[in-house]
């Protein structure tokens, strides 16, 4: 009887946890932050004006963007990428992982000068999550090609729990501590650690995280704050820039 009661209690707590984790994505759908409609073939990739004009801004620039993924997946996750421009360059280079490129054994890693650095991601407007200029940006740019080339999952892509586009950007953050990158809680895949490791530094380099295959884990860091990862969905609290973190919703209040 005690075992049966224990199992029932565990089942109730599991059901409650699942309901809480899914409430955020459902709210994201309800309030239009993600859509169940649309066609990826006609979705827009328009520039949004977030990236400085490289002709009039001659200094080195590194920017990291996050945008809701296409369709219902946008209720759960964002896609992240890096745009970089060396000093004096007339354009940006985008560094990102794009899942469909890995089909048939190809490489999902994309390093391209085509397209706007701040373009919509299949109709979803991006948010700027890191903006680095000048000497600091130039130091990061010098290391970007090597860090990207060392990414171990270039031909492997799994939307959940990883490795995916957010796993790649987290890899870049760990490989280049000068970037001081803090990824949003909706960046599912950021907690997928390399080489089957269970413990690693956070992408910001200001703390540590424990993760089991990106499915279950915990983070404690100055910049990320405290995060709990259950099935890839992150809840937590940011003490440095006070905010709560919820699956599907992100930061509350949102960081400007």
Protein backbone atom coordinates (compact mmCIF):
# COMPACT_ATOMS: atom_id res chain seq x y z
CA UNK A 1 0.00 0.00 0.00
CA UNK A 2 2.77 2.43 0.86
CA UNK A 3 4.49 1.72 -2.44
CA UNK A 4 1.23 2.29 -4.33
CA UNK A 5 0.63 5.57 -2.53
CA UNK A 6 4.19 6.63 -3.23
CA UNK A 7 3.79 5.90 -6.92
CA UNK A 8 0.51 7.83 -7.06
CA UNK A 9 2.11 10.80 -5.30
CA UNK A 10 5.08 10.71 -7.68
CA UNK A 11 2.72 10.54 -10.67
CA UNK A 12 0.81 13.57 -9.40
CA UNK A 13 3.97 15.59 -8.91
CA UNK A 14 5.18 14.57 -12.38
CA UNK A 15 1.86 15.61 -13.90
CA UNK A 16 2.01 18.95 -12.07
CA UNK A 17 5.58 19.57 -13.23
CA UNK A 18 4.61 18.76 -16.84
CA UNK A 19 1.62 21.11 -16.65
CA UNK A 20 3.77 23.95 -15.32
CA UNK A 21 6.47 23.40 -17.93
CA UNK A 22 3.93 23.39 -20.78
CA UNK A 23 1.93 26.38 -19.55
CA UNK A 24 4.55 28.82 -20.82
CA UNK A 25 4.63 27.50 -24.40
CA UNK A 26 0.82 27.43 -24.45
CA UNK A 27 0.76 31.08 -23.38
CA UNK A 28 3.29 31.90 -26.09
CA UNK A 29 0.90 30.42 -28.65
CA UNK A 30 -2.10 32.14 -27.12
CA UNK A 31 -0.49 35.59 -27.23
CA UNK A 32 0.89 35.23 -30.75
CA UNK A 33 4.58 34.86 -29.91
CA UNK A 34 4.51 31.71 -32.03
CA UNK A 35 2.11 30.59 -34.73
CA UNK A 36 0.63 27.29 -35.88
CA UNK A 37 0.02 28.75 -39.32
CA UNK A 38 2.22 29.89 -42.17
CA UNK A 39 4.39 28.37 -44.88
CA UNK A 40 8.15 28.27 -44.45
CA UNK A 41 8.56 28.62 -48.22
CA UNK A 42 6.95 32.07 -48.20
CA UNK A 43 8.16 33.26 -44.77
CA UNK A 44 10.13 36.49 -44.86
CA UNK A 45 13.83 37.11 -44.15
CA UNK A 46 13.78 40.90 -44.20
CA UNK A 47 16.49 43.06 -42.59
CA UNK A 48 15.28 44.62 -39.34
CA UNK A 49 17.67 47.54 -38.90
CA UNK A 50 19.35 46.12 -35.79
CA UNK A 51 22.76 45.79 -37.42
CA UNK A 52 24.76 49.03 -37.91
CA UNK A 53 25.47 50.01 -41.51
CA UNK A 54 28.99 48.66 -42.20
CA UNK A 55 29.74 51.51 -44.60
CA UNK A 56 29.26 54.24 -41.99
CA UNK A 57 30.34 52.16 -38.97
CA UNK A 58 33.95 51.21 -39.68
CA UNK A 59 34.78 49.70 -36.28
CA UNK A 60 34.75 45.96 -35.63
CA UNK A 61 31.31 44.66 -34.61
CA UNK A 62 30.10 41.32 -33.20
CA UNK A 63 26.40 40.80 -32.62
CA UNK A 64 24.49 37.75 -31.40
CA UNK A 65 20.82 37.38 -32.30
CA UNK A 66 17.95 35.17 -31.14
CA UNK A 67 14.66 34.69 -32.97
CA UNK A 68 11.68 32.41 -32.41
CA UNK A 69 11.89 29.25 -34.49
CA UNK A 70 9.31 28.64 -37.22
CA UNK A 71 5.83 27.29 -36.46
CA UNK A 72 4.79 25.61 -33.23
CA UNK A 73 8.42 25.09 -32.25
CA UNK A 74 8.61 28.83 -31.69
CA UNK A 75 6.46 28.36 -28.60
CA UNK A 76 9.38 26.48 -27.06
CA UNK A 77 12.62 27.69 -28.58
CA UNK A 78 14.65 30.32 -30.38
CA UNK A 79 17.28 30.05 -33.10
CA UNK A 80 20.53 31.92 -32.41
CA UNK A 81 23.35 33.11 -34.65
CA UNK A 82 26.40 35.39 -34.70
CA UNK A 83 27.05 38.23 -37.13
CA UNK A 84 30.57 39.65 -37.28
CA UNK A 85 32.29 42.48 -39.17
CA UNK A 86 36.02 43.17 -38.87
CA UNK A 87 37.19 46.76 -38.70
CA UNK A 88 36.91 48.41 -42.11
CA UNK A 89 34.91 45.55 -43.67
CA UNK A 90 32.01 46.43 -45.96
CA UNK A 91 29.78 43.57 -44.82
CA UNK A 92 28.99 41.01 -42.14
CA UNK A 93 29.61 37.27 -41.91
CA UNK A 94 26.94 35.09 -40.31
CA UNK A 95 27.94 32.06 -38.24
CA UNK A 96 25.14 29.59 -37.51
CA UNK A 97 23.94 26.01 -37.70
CA UNK A 98 20.97 25.30 -39.98
CA UNK A 99 19.37 21.89 -39.47
CA UNK A 100 18.24 21.01 -42.98
CA UNK A 101 21.80 21.39 -44.27
CA UNK A 102 22.77 18.23 -42.35
CA UNK A 103 20.44 16.04 -44.41
CA UNK A 104 22.23 13.40 -46.42
CA UNK A 105 25.39 13.75 -44.38
CA UNK A 106 26.05 17.38 -45.25
CA UNK A 107 27.34 20.00 -42.85
CA UNK A 108 24.82 22.03 -40.86
CA UNK A 109 27.46 24.68 -40.20
CA UNK A 110 26.87 27.82 -42.23
CA UNK A 111 29.45 30.62 -42.53
CA UNK A 112 28.08 33.04 -45.06
CA UNK A 113 28.35 36.61 -46.31
CA UNK A 114 24.94 36.31 -47.99
CA UNK A 115 21.80 37.72 -46.44
CA UNK A 116 21.29 40.40 -43.83
CA UNK A 117 23.02 39.89 -40.47
CA UNK A 118 19.83 40.96 -38.66
CA UNK A 119 17.24 39.32 -40.93
CA UNK A 120 13.97 37.88 -39.70
CA UNK A 121 14.13 34.16 -39.10
CA UNK A 122 11.24 32.81 -41.18
CA UNK A 123 9.11 35.85 -40.40
CA UNK A 124 10.08 36.20 -36.73
CA UNK A 125 11.87 39.40 -35.75
CA UNK A 126 15.19 38.73 -33.98
CA UNK A 127 16.31 40.17 -30.67
CA UNK A 128 19.85 41.40 -30.11
CA UNK A 129 21.34 39.52 -27.14
CA UNK A 130 24.99 40.59 -27.41
CA UNK A 131 26.60 43.64 -29.01
CA UNK A 132 30.37 44.03 -28.90
CA UNK A 133 32.32 46.82 -30.64
CA UNK A 134 35.86 47.97 -31.26
CA UNK A 135 39.00 46.27 -29.97
CA UNK A 136 37.05 43.70 -27.98
CA UNK A 137 35.03 42.72 -31.04
CA UNK A 138 38.17 42.45 -33.17
CA UNK A 139 39.71 40.04 -30.65
CA UNK A 140 36.61 37.84 -30.81
CA UNK A 141 36.52 37.96 -34.63
CA UNK A 142 40.11 36.70 -34.78
CA UNK A 143 39.06 33.54 -32.93
CA UNK A 144 35.70 32.91 -34.63
CA UNK A 145 36.92 30.85 -37.63
CA UNK A 146 38.92 28.48 -35.44
CA UNK A 147 36.13 28.09 -32.88
CA UNK A 148 33.59 27.36 -35.62
CA UNK A 149 35.91 24.87 -37.34
CA UNK A 150 36.34 22.95 -34.06
CA UNK A 151 32.58 22.46 -33.54
CA UNK A 152 32.24 18.66 -33.20
CA UNK A 153 28.67 18.18 -34.48
CA UNK A 154 28.81 19.92 -37.85
CA UNK A 155 27.16 16.94 -39.59
CA UNK A 156 24.75 16.12 -36.77
CA UNK A 157 21.55 17.99 -35.95
CA UNK A 158 18.78 17.16 -33.48
CA UNK A 159 16.22 19.88 -32.73
CA UNK A 160 15.66 18.50 -29.21
CA UNK A 161 17.57 18.26 -26.95
CA UNK A 162 20.56 18.91 -29.22
CA UNK A 163 23.02 19.30 -30.78
CA UNK A 164 21.37 22.13 -32.69
CA UNK A 165 21.86 25.80 -33.60
CA UNK A 166 21.92 26.86 -29.94
CA UNK A 167 24.45 24.15 -29.09
CA UNK A 168 26.75 25.70 -31.69
CA UNK A 169 26.45 29.23 -30.33
CA UNK A 170 26.99 27.94 -26.78
CA UNK A 171 30.11 26.16 -28.07
CA UNK A 172 31.38 29.44 -29.52
CA UNK A 173 30.74 31.17 -26.19
CA UNK A 174 32.76 28.58 -24.27
CA UNK A 175 35.55 28.61 -26.88
CA UNK A 176 35.81 32.42 -26.84
CA UNK A 177 35.36 33.62 -23.23
CA UNK A 178 35.99 37.22 -24.36
CA UNK A 179 32.55 37.15 -26.00
CA UNK A 180 30.95 36.98 -22.53
CA UNK A 181 27.83 35.42 -24.01
CA UNK A 182 24.67 34.77 -22.01
CA UNK A 183 22.11 32.81 -24.02
CA UNK A 184 18.36 33.21 -23.40
CA UNK A 185 16.47 30.50 -21.50
CA UNK A 186 14.55 29.64 -24.69
CA UNK A 187 17.78 28.59 -26.44
CA UNK A 188 17.01 24.87 -26.15
CA UNK A 189 20.20 22.96 -26.91
CA UNK A 190 22.54 25.39 -25.14
CA UNK A 191 22.87 22.87 -22.29
CA UNK A 192 23.91 20.00 -24.56
CA UNK A 193 27.52 19.54 -23.47
CA UNK A 194 30.41 18.37 -25.66
CA UNK A 195 31.97 14.94 -25.55
CA UNK A 196 29.32 13.45 -23.28
CA UNK A 197 30.53 15.62 -20.42
CA UNK A 198 28.34 16.20 -17.39
CA UNK A 199 30.01 19.38 -16.12
CA UNK A 200 31.22 22.39 -18.11
CA UNK A 201 31.61 26.13 -17.83
CA UNK A 202 28.61 28.19 -18.87
CA UNK A 203 28.70 29.99 -22.26
CA UNK A 204 29.35 33.26 -20.40
CA UNK A 205 32.38 31.75 -18.65
CA UNK A 206 31.13 33.12 -15.31
CA UNK A 207 29.96 29.88 -13.72
CA UNK A 208 29.32 26.17 -14.11
CA UNK A 209 26.57 23.86 -15.23
CA UNK A 210 25.64 20.23 -14.78
CA UNK A 211 23.79 18.56 -17.63
CA UNK A 212 22.80 15.03 -18.62
CA UNK A 213 22.46 14.97 -22.39
CA UNK A 214 20.82 18.39 -22.38
CA UNK A 215 17.70 16.82 -20.84
CA UNK A 216 18.22 17.41 -17.14
CA UNK A 217 20.60 19.80 -15.45
CA UNK A 218 21.31 22.87 -13.37
CA UNK A 219 23.33 26.05 -13.83
CA UNK A 220 24.84 28.50 -11.36
CA UNK A 221 26.71 31.50 -12.76
CA UNK A 222 27.10 35.21 -12.23
CA UNK A 223 25.66 36.12 -15.64
CA UNK A 224 23.18 33.28 -16.20
CA UNK A 225 21.99 33.21 -12.59
CA UNK A 226 20.40 29.97 -11.38
CA UNK A 227 18.70 27.74 -13.94
CA UNK A 228 17.00 24.35 -13.73
CA UNK A 229 16.69 22.36 -16.94
CA UNK A 230 13.98 19.69 -17.16
CA UNK A 231 13.56 17.99 -20.54
CA UNK A 232 15.32 20.93 -22.17
CA UNK A 233 12.90 23.50 -20.73
CA UNK A 234 14.55 26.08 -18.50
CA UNK A 235 13.23 27.82 -15.40
CA UNK A 236 15.33 30.05 -13.22
CA UNK A 237 16.18 33.42 -11.77
CA UNK A 238 18.67 36.08 -12.83
CA UNK A 239 20.07 37.98 -9.85
CA UNK A 240 22.45 40.28 -11.75
CA UNK A 241 19.73 41.66 -14.04
CA UNK A 242 16.68 40.78 -11.89
CA UNK A 243 14.26 38.57 -13.77
CA UNK A 244 12.50 35.23 -13.62
CA UNK A 245 12.87 32.70 -16.42
CA UNK A 246 10.03 30.52 -17.70
CA UNK A 247 9.72 27.93 -20.50
CA UNK A 248 8.07 29.36 -23.60
CA UNK A 249 8.03 32.88 -22.19
CA UNK A 250 11.68 33.61 -21.48
CA UNK A 251 12.68 36.38 -19.10
CA UNK A 252 10.13 38.30 -17.00
CA UNK A 253 10.63 41.19 -17.18
CA UNK A 254 12.21 40.97 -20.61
CA UNK A 255 15.72 42.34 -20.91
CA UNK A 256 16.00 45.37 -23.18
